Amino acid sequence: MTDGSKITNWIRQKAISNGFDSCGFTSARLPDITKERLADFIEADYHGEMAWLDETKERRASPDSMWDEAQSAIILGVNYGPDHNPLDNLEIKTDGNISVYARGRDYHEVVKGRLKQLAGQIAAKWACQVKVFVDTAPLMEKPLAQQAGIGWQGKHTNLVSRDFGSWLFLGVILTDAILPPDEPEGDHCGNCTACLDICPTNAFPRPYQLDARRCISYLTIEQKSQIAPDYRIAIGNRIFGCDDCLAVCPWNKFARLSHDIKLQPKHDPARYPLEELLVLDEAEFRSYFAAMPVRRAGYERFMRNVLIAAGNSQDKSLIPLVTPYLESDLPLVQSMAVWTLSRLMTASELAELYKPSVESETELEWQRALGSLMPNA
């Protein structure tokens, strides 16, 4: 494998034919500063309940820490640009808002399938070892993507592309072949702070640093415990993920509409009326969101999120749909139903529904909701 440019040109052509929109090459080693930033992130406890980040930090620091024989990384991007500004969905308070990336088929499966096909072609053509990764593996795709010239990590820590704006799914192929690297992408954020300023929960302690514990994507997807009252109103109608810091980026003026059939929204139109979501049981939830990333949250966490959106909707017609959840055997759901009704009913109306609960979180919600009206409050 002596003619590196011949190999990379061949791979780029195959990448496009396999459904990728972007392809870059870099070393399978990340600089020490990447490891240091990850350690600082974990030391500050910014990872919250994502204990796996701490558990895998040594392997995550650099690809060659995970696979000793890795020499080069091939970074692939798939455009999932939406057909509208996702911020518009936030204005429809009676609909739940799902992040753009999660409205279609689970991208992990889509991207992984394409990576395997491309990797097999590379291995067969050039007699090298290959391994494929989507973001469930302990691999830092975004620093690799910047190093490979695909884009740069903006002040919101997400990848920004000059060709596709905020909307790229990433996949990685590691190989033991030594391939000529592309030029790294520089930082083109300049003085702009739009992504930091728009965050509803102030999740950025400073530019280029995220406190996941305050991030709505983390709160609605990763956090298994109850969401603190301080964040519930800020969540608005976001029931799975948040696109605010992505959608506001000025570089989206170069974004392109995705025409990838496999990544199109499953439901057309991609609207999720709260009145329809509130009547889903667990089996219906699994069926409605089959093959979509939303299933990752699980029924209990998802309904917790839907109830928060209902509480922020100001739609009193939802009260009859929320009230049965006071009897739910799911702790997150039962306790959140109290909060939701406290937003849609008067204190005296809510007091008529009060029953002492064996669930401490639910009882705490009653105490917060009714205050001085509560017995022994």
Protein backbone atom coordinates (compact mmCIF):
# COMPACT_ATOMS: atom_id res chain seq x y z
CA MET A 1 0.00 0.00 0.00
CA THR A 2 2.48 2.60 -1.21
CA ASP A 3 0.29 5.00 -3.20
CA GLY A 4 -1.66 6.62 -0.40
CA SER A 5 -3.46 9.22 -2.51
CA LYS A 6 -4.68 6.52 -4.88
CA ILE A 7 -6.17 4.63 -1.95
CA THR A 8 -7.85 7.66 -0.35
CA ASN A 9 -9.32 8.79 -3.68
CA TRP A 10 -10.73 5.32 -4.22
CA ILE A 11 -12.20 5.29 -0.69
CA ARG A 12 -13.79 8.73 -1.16
CA GLN A 13 -15.50 7.57 -4.34
CA LYS A 14 -16.74 4.40 -2.66
CA ALA A 15 -17.94 6.41 0.35
CA ILE A 16 -20.16 8.57 -1.84
CA SER A 17 -21.55 5.55 -3.66
CA ASN A 18 -22.34 3.95 -0.30
CA GLY A 19 -24.48 6.89 0.83
CA PHE A 20 -21.99 9.07 2.71
CA ASP A 21 -21.83 12.81 2.11
CA SER A 22 -18.43 13.55 3.61
CA CYS A 23 -15.16 11.62 3.99
CA GLY A 24 -11.88 12.56 5.66
CA PHE A 25 -8.67 10.85 6.79
CA THR A 26 -6.52 11.32 9.86
CA SER A 27 -4.17 9.55 12.22
CA ALA A 28 -5.67 7.09 14.69
CA ARG A 29 -4.05 9.07 17.47
CA LEU A 30 -5.58 12.11 19.12
CA PRO A 31 -3.37 14.70 20.86
CA ASP A 32 -2.92 14.61 24.62
CA ILE A 33 -5.02 17.76 25.02
CA THR A 34 -8.09 15.74 24.01
CA LYS A 35 -7.49 13.34 26.88
CA GLU A 36 -6.93 16.24 29.27
CA ARG A 37 -10.19 17.93 28.27
CA LEU A 38 -12.09 14.68 28.75
CA ALA A 39 -10.52 14.25 32.20
CA ASP A 40 -11.48 17.82 33.14
CA PHE A 41 -15.05 17.22 31.96
CA ILE A 42 -15.37 14.14 34.15
CA GLU A 43 -13.55 15.71 37.10
CA ALA A 44 -16.09 18.54 37.07
CA ASP A 45 -18.87 15.93 37.12
CA TYR A 46 -20.29 17.45 33.95
CA HIS A 47 -21.11 13.93 32.69
CA GLY A 48 -23.85 13.50 35.29
CA GLU A 49 -25.36 10.00 35.33
CA MET A 50 -23.36 8.90 32.27
CA ALA A 51 -20.98 6.77 34.32
CA TRP A 52 -19.81 4.95 31.20
CA LEU A 53 -17.86 8.05 30.18
CA ASP A 54 -15.75 7.75 33.31
CA GLU A 55 -15.47 3.98 33.02
CA THR A 56 -14.15 4.16 29.46
CA LYS A 57 -12.10 7.35 29.65
CA GLU A 58 -8.74 5.65 29.12
CA ARG A 59 -9.84 3.83 25.97
CA ARG A 60 -11.84 6.84 24.82
CA ALA A 61 -8.87 9.21 24.94
CA SER A 62 -7.49 8.05 21.59
CA PRO A 63 -8.46 5.36 19.03
CA ASP A 64 -5.12 3.60 19.33
CA SER A 65 -5.85 3.16 23.04
CA MET A 66 -8.83 1.04 22.06
CA TRP A 67 -7.12 -0.86 19.23
CA ASP A 68 -3.33 -1.02 19.35
CA GLU A 69 -2.94 -1.76 15.66
CA ALA A 70 -4.96 1.22 14.49
CA GLN A 71 -2.91 3.55 12.30
CA SER A 72 -5.50 5.62 10.44
CA ALA A 73 -9.06 6.76 10.92
CA ILE A 74 -11.54 7.28 8.09
CA ILE A 75 -14.28 9.69 9.19
CA LEU A 76 -17.59 9.52 7.34
CA GLY A 77 -20.46 11.96 7.51
CA VAL A 78 -24.13 11.56 6.55
CA ASN A 79 -26.20 14.71 6.04
CA TYR A 80 -29.53 14.82 7.89
CA GLY A 81 -30.41 18.45 7.21
CA PRO A 82 -34.08 19.23 7.99
CA ASP A 83 -36.57 20.87 5.63
CA HIS A 84 -37.39 23.67 8.09
CA ASN A 85 -35.97 25.55 11.06
CA PRO A 86 -36.44 23.22 14.06
CA LEU A 87 -36.93 26.22 16.33
CA ASP A 88 -40.33 26.73 14.70
CA ASN A 89 -41.60 23.57 16.40
CA LEU A 90 -41.12 25.14 19.82
CA GLU A 91 -43.96 27.55 19.15
CA ILE A 92 -46.59 24.79 18.93
CA LYS A 93 -47.03 24.22 22.66
CA THR A 94 -49.66 21.48 22.24
CA ASP A 95 -47.18 19.33 20.27
CA GLY A 96 -44.22 17.52 21.72
CA ASN A 97 -40.97 18.40 19.98
CA ILE A 98 -38.53 15.65 19.06
CA SER A 99 -34.98 16.45 17.99
CA VAL A 100 -34.46 16.32 14.23
CA TYR A 101 -32.02 13.42 14.42
CA ALA A 102 -34.57 11.21 16.19
CA ARG A 103 -37.57 11.68 13.90
CA GLY A 104 -36.56 8.99 11.45
CA ARG A 105 -34.99 5.57 11.56
CA ASP A 106 -32.27 5.10 14.17
CA TYR A 107 -29.16 6.49 12.52
CA HIS A 108 -26.91 4.07 14.39
CA GLU A 109 -28.29 1.21 12.32
CA VAL A 110 -28.30 3.17 9.07
CA VAL A 111 -24.74 4.45 9.42
CA LYS A 112 -23.37 1.19 10.82
CA GLY A 113 -24.75 -0.76 7.86
CA ARG A 114 -23.06 1.58 5.42
CA LEU A 115 -19.81 1.54 7.38
CA LYS A 116 -19.70 -2.26 7.31
CA GLN A 117 -20.30 -2.31 3.57
CA LEU A 118 -17.59 0.27 2.89
CA ALA A 119 -15.13 -1.32 5.33
CA GLY A 120 -15.62 -4.70 3.65
CA GLN A 121 -14.86 -3.16 0.27
CA ILE A 122 -11.72 -1.48 1.63
CA ALA A 123 -10.46 -4.68 3.26
CA ALA A 124 -11.08 -6.73 0.12
CA LYS A 125 -9.45 -4.20 -2.19
CA TRP A 126 -6.42 -3.22 -0.13
CA ALA A 127 -5.82 -6.24 2.16
CA CYS A 128 -5.92 -4.35 5.43
CA GLN A 129 -7.67 -4.77 8.76
CA VAL A 130 -10.68 -2.57 9.47
CA LYS A 131 -13.08 -1.93 12.35
CA VAL A 132 -16.24 0.21 12.26
CA PHE A 133 -17.70 2.48 14.95
CA VAL A 134 -20.81 4.58 15.44
CA ASP A 135 -21.11 6.70 18.59
CA THR A 136 -22.05 3.86 20.95
CA ALA A 137 -18.36 2.87 21.07
CA PRO A 138 -15.76 4.61 23.30
CA LEU A 139 -14.49 6.76 20.46
CA MET A 140 -14.35 10.56 20.27
CA GLU A 141 -15.75 11.14 16.79
CA LYS A 142 -15.93 14.93 16.91
CA PRO A 143 -12.24 15.59 17.66
CA LEU A 144 -11.38 13.01 14.99
CA ALA A 145 -13.70 14.71 12.52
CA GLN A 146 -12.01 18.07 13.13
CA GLN A 147 -8.60 16.48 12.78
CA ALA A 148 -9.76 14.91 9.48
CA GLY A 149 -11.06 18.22 8.10
CA ILE A 150 -14.76 17.29 8.20
CA GLY A 151 -15.69 20.24 10.41
CA TRP A 152 -14.81 21.82 13.75
CA GLN A 153 -16.18 21.62 17.27
CA GLY A 154 -18.06 24.84 17.85
CA LYS A 155 -18.50 26.69 21.11
CA HIS A 156 -21.44 24.37 21.85
CA THR A 157 -19.03 21.38 21.53
CA ASN A 158 -20.96 19.99 18.54
CA LEU A 159 -19.49 19.57 15.08
CA VAL A 160 -20.02 22.36 12.54
CA SER A 161 -19.40 21.81 8.85
CA ARG A 162 -18.82 24.50 6.25
CA ASP A 163 -20.76 22.34 3.79
CA PHE A 164 -23.56 20.93 5.94
CA GLY A 165 -23.88 23.25 8.92
CA SER A 166 -24.91 21.43 12.09
CA TRP A 167 -26.47 18.38 10.48
CA LEU A 168 -23.98 15.52 10.11
CA PHE A 169 -24.13 12.03 11.53
CA LEU A 170 -20.63 10.62 12.02
CA GLY A 171 -19.17 7.16 11.63
CA VAL A 172 -15.57 5.96 11.84
CA ILE A 173 -13.56 3.19 10.21
CA LEU A 174 -10.25 2.41 11.88
CA THR A 175 -7.60 0.58 9.88
CA ASP A 176 -4.06 -0.69 10.33
CA ALA A 177 -3.20 0.87 6.97
CA ILE A 178 -1.20 4.09 7.00
CA LEU A 179 -3.15 6.61 4.93
CA PRO A 180 -2.18 10.20 4.13
CA PRO A 181 -4.12 12.52 6.46
CA ASP A 182 -6.26 15.46 5.38
CA GLU A 183 -5.65 18.95 6.71
CA PRO A 184 -7.44 19.61 10.02
CA GLU A 185 -10.34 22.06 9.93
CA GLY A 186 -9.82 25.37 11.70
CA ASP A 187 -12.24 27.04 14.09
CA HIS A 188 -14.61 29.38 12.25
CA CYS A 189 -16.85 30.48 15.13
CA GLY A 190 -15.21 33.87 15.45
CA ASN A 191 -16.93 36.15 17.95
CA CYS A 192 -20.33 34.49 17.53
CA THR A 193 -22.00 33.24 20.71
CA ALA A 194 -25.46 32.46 19.30
CA CYS A 195 -25.35 28.81 20.39
CA LEU A 196 -24.39 29.75 23.94
CA ASP A 197 -26.92 32.54 24.24
CA ILE A 198 -29.92 30.51 23.10
CA CYS A 199 -29.50 27.61 25.53
CA PRO A 200 -32.66 27.53 27.70
CA THR A 201 -30.87 26.00 30.69
CA ASN A 202 -27.48 27.78 30.49
CA ALA A 203 -25.69 24.47 29.95
CA PHE A 204 -22.42 26.07 28.81
CA PRO A 205 -20.18 27.21 31.70
CA ARG A 206 -17.92 28.79 29.08
CA PRO A 207 -17.35 28.49 25.33
CA TYR A 208 -16.35 25.00 24.18
CA GLN A 209 -17.48 23.45 27.46
CA LEU A 210 -20.77 21.69 28.20
CA ASP A 211 -22.27 20.79 31.56
CA ALA A 212 -24.41 17.86 30.43
CA ARG A 213 -26.36 17.90 33.69
CA ARG A 214 -28.05 21.10 32.51
CA CYS A 215 -28.45 20.12 28.85
CA ILE A 216 -32.01 19.36 27.72
CA SER A 217 -30.81 16.54 25.47
CA TYR A 218 -29.17 14.91 28.48
CA LEU A 219 -32.12 15.58 30.78
CA THR A 220 -34.72 14.13 28.42
CA ILE A 221 -32.70 11.18 27.12
CA GLU A 222 -29.90 10.16 29.48
CA GLN A 223 -31.11 11.14 32.93
CA LYS A 224 -32.85 8.20 34.59
CA SER A 225 -33.90 10.07 37.73
CA GLN A 226 -36.52 12.78 38.05
CA ILE A 227 -35.80 16.12 36.36
CA ALA A 228 -35.27 18.91 38.86
CA PRO A 229 -38.04 21.56 39.05
CA ASP A 230 -35.57 24.29 38.08
CA TYR A 231 -35.35 22.89 34.54
CA ARG A 232 -38.92 21.82 33.80
CA ILE A 233 -40.33 25.10 32.55
CA ALA A 234 -37.20 25.72 30.45
CA ILE A 235 -37.70 22.35 28.76
CA GLY A 236 -40.91 23.65 27.22
CA ASN A 237 -42.34 21.12 24.78
CA ARG A 238 -39.06 19.27 24.11
CA ILE A 239 -39.85 15.62 24.79
CA PHE A 240 -36.71 14.02 23.31
CA GLY A 241 -33.56 16.02 22.76
CA CYS A 242 -32.99 19.66 21.88
CA ASP A 243 -31.83 21.34 18.67
CA ASP A 244 -31.58 24.95 19.83
CA CYS A 245 -27.80 25.36 19.81
CA LEU A 246 -27.55 23.49 16.51
CA ALA A 247 -30.40 25.26 14.75
CA VAL A 248 -29.28 28.80 15.60
CA CYS A 249 -25.78 28.41 14.13
CA PRO A 250 -25.15 30.90 11.28
CA TRP A 251 -23.26 28.23 9.35
CA ASN A 252 -26.59 26.54 8.66
CA LYS A 253 -26.99 28.94 5.76
CA PHE A 254 -24.81 26.42 3.93
CA ALA A 255 -26.78 23.41 5.16
CA ARG A 256 -28.44 21.16 2.61
CA LEU A 257 -31.73 19.34 2.79
CA SER A 258 -31.23 15.62 3.32
CA HIS A 259 -32.76 13.44 0.64
CA ASP A 260 -31.66 10.23 2.32
CA ILE A 261 -34.76 8.04 2.22
CA LYS A 262 -33.70 5.99 5.24
CA LEU A 263 -33.39 9.09 7.41
CA GLN A 264 -36.67 10.79 6.52
CA PRO A 265 -39.17 11.34 9.38
CA LYS A 266 -41.16 8.20 10.08
CA HIS A 267 -44.33 10.16 10.74
CA ASP A 268 -45.53 12.65 8.15
CA PRO A 269 -45.97 15.37 9.17
CA ALA A 270 -43.40 15.07 11.96
CA ARG A 271 -45.80 16.36 14.59
CA TYR A 272 -46.47 14.76 17.95
CA PRO A 273 -49.69 16.12 19.52
CA LEU A 274 -49.56 15.77 23.30
CA GLU A 275 -53.15 14.54 23.38
CA GLU A 276 -52.09 11.54 21.29
CA LEU A 277 -48.90 10.82 23.22
CA LEU A 278 -50.61 10.95 26.61
CA VAL A 279 -52.85 7.99 25.77
CA LEU A 280 -50.04 5.65 24.70
CA ASP A 281 -49.46 2.60 26.85
CA GLU A 282 -46.05 0.93 26.87
CA ALA A 283 -46.79 -1.47 24.02
CA GLU A 284 -48.20 1.35 21.90
CA PHE A 285 -45.14 3.47 22.67
CA ARG A 286 -42.83 0.71 21.43
CA SER A 287 -44.90 0.25 18.28
CA TYR A 288 -45.31 3.98 17.52
CA PHE A 289 -41.58 4.64 17.84
CA ALA A 290 -40.35 1.32 16.43
CA ALA A 291 -36.85 1.57 14.91
CA MET A 292 -36.57 5.20 16.06
CA PRO A 293 -34.02 6.58 18.57
CA VAL A 294 -36.90 7.70 20.83
CA ARG A 295 -37.26 4.14 22.11
CA ARG A 296 -33.87 4.57 23.77
CA ALA A 297 -35.42 6.65 26.54
CA GLY A 298 -37.88 3.91 27.45
CA TYR A 299 -41.53 4.35 28.25
CA GLU A 300 -41.19 5.72 31.78
CA ARG A 301 -38.71 8.47 30.94
CA PHE A 302 -40.52 9.34 27.74
CA MET A 303 -43.84 9.79 29.53
CA ARG A 304 -42.08 11.86 32.19
CA ASN A 305 -40.98 14.16 29.35
CA VAL A 306 -44.45 14.24 27.76
CA LEU A 307 -45.97 15.21 31.09
CA ILE A 308 -43.49 18.09 31.44
CA ALA A 309 -44.52 19.31 27.98
CA ALA A 310 -48.19 18.99 28.96
CA GLY A 311 -47.53 21.06 32.06
CA ASN A 312 -45.96 23.77 29.90
CA SER A 313 -48.72 23.67 27.27
CA GLN A 314 -51.30 25.77 29.17
CA ASP A 315 -53.86 23.43 27.59
CA LYS A 316 -56.45 22.59 30.26
CA SER A 317 -58.13 20.10 27.91
CA LEU A 318 -55.23 17.76 28.72
CA ILE A 319 -56.24 17.51 32.41
CA PRO A 320 -58.45 14.41 31.94
CA LEU A 321 -55.58 12.68 30.10
CA VAL A 322 -53.04 13.53 32.81
CA THR A 323 -55.13 12.72 35.90
CA PRO A 324 -54.99 8.89 35.48
CA TYR A 325 -51.21 9.04 35.78
CA LEU A 326 -51.62 9.95 39.46
CA GLU A 327 -52.29 6.20 39.86
CA SER A 328 -49.34 5.10 37.71
CA ASP A 329 -47.06 2.43 39.15
CA LEU A 330 -44.09 4.16 37.45
CA PRO A 331 -42.50 6.54 40.00
CA LEU A 332 -41.21 9.10 37.48
CA VAL A 333 -44.59 9.26 35.79
CA GLN A 334 -46.70 9.40 38.93
CA SER A 335 -44.70 12.19 40.53
CA MET A 336 -44.49 14.21 37.30
CA ALA A 337 -48.26 13.99 36.88
CA VAL A 338 -48.61 15.95 40.13
CA TRP A 339 -46.38 18.71 38.78
CA THR A 340 -48.21 18.78 35.45
CA LEU A 341 -51.61 19.15 37.10
CA SER A 342 -50.22 21.85 39.37
CA ARG A 343 -49.49 23.84 36.20
CA LEU A 344 -52.92 23.28 34.68
CA MET A 345 -55.19 23.49 37.75
CA THR A 346 -55.72 25.83 40.67
CA ALA A 347 -54.35 24.78 44.04
CA SER A 348 -57.85 24.14 45.38
CA GLU A 349 -58.74 21.98 42.36
CA LEU A 350 -55.54 20.03 42.78
CA ALA A 351 -56.09 19.58 46.52
CA GLU A 352 -59.25 17.63 45.78
CA LEU A 353 -57.14 15.00 44.01
CA TYR A 354 -54.59 14.61 46.77
CA LYS A 355 -53.96 11.16 48.19
CA PRO A 356 -50.98 10.33 50.40
CA SER A 357 -48.41 8.42 48.35
CA VAL A 358 -45.96 5.73 49.36
CA GLU A 359 -43.63 7.08 46.69
CA SER A 360 -41.44 9.66 48.40
CA GLU A 361 -40.84 11.58 45.16
CA THR A 362 -44.57 11.79 44.52
CA GLU A 363 -45.26 12.96 48.05
CA LEU A 364 -42.54 15.58 47.67
CA GLU A 365 -44.23 16.82 44.48
CA TRP A 366 -47.52 17.10 46.37
CA GLN A 367 -45.79 19.13 49.07
CA ARG A 368 -44.29 21.46 46.47
CA ALA A 369 -47.55 21.78 44.57
CA LEU A 370 -49.88 22.44 47.47
CA GLY A 371 -47.62 24.03 50.02
CA SER A 372 -49.60 25.45 52.93
CA LEU A 373 -52.75 23.61 51.79
CA MET A 374 -51.10 20.28 52.58
CA PRO A 375 -51.79 18.58 55.91
CA ASN A 376 -48.67 18.80 58.06
CA ALA A 377 -46.83 20.63 55.30
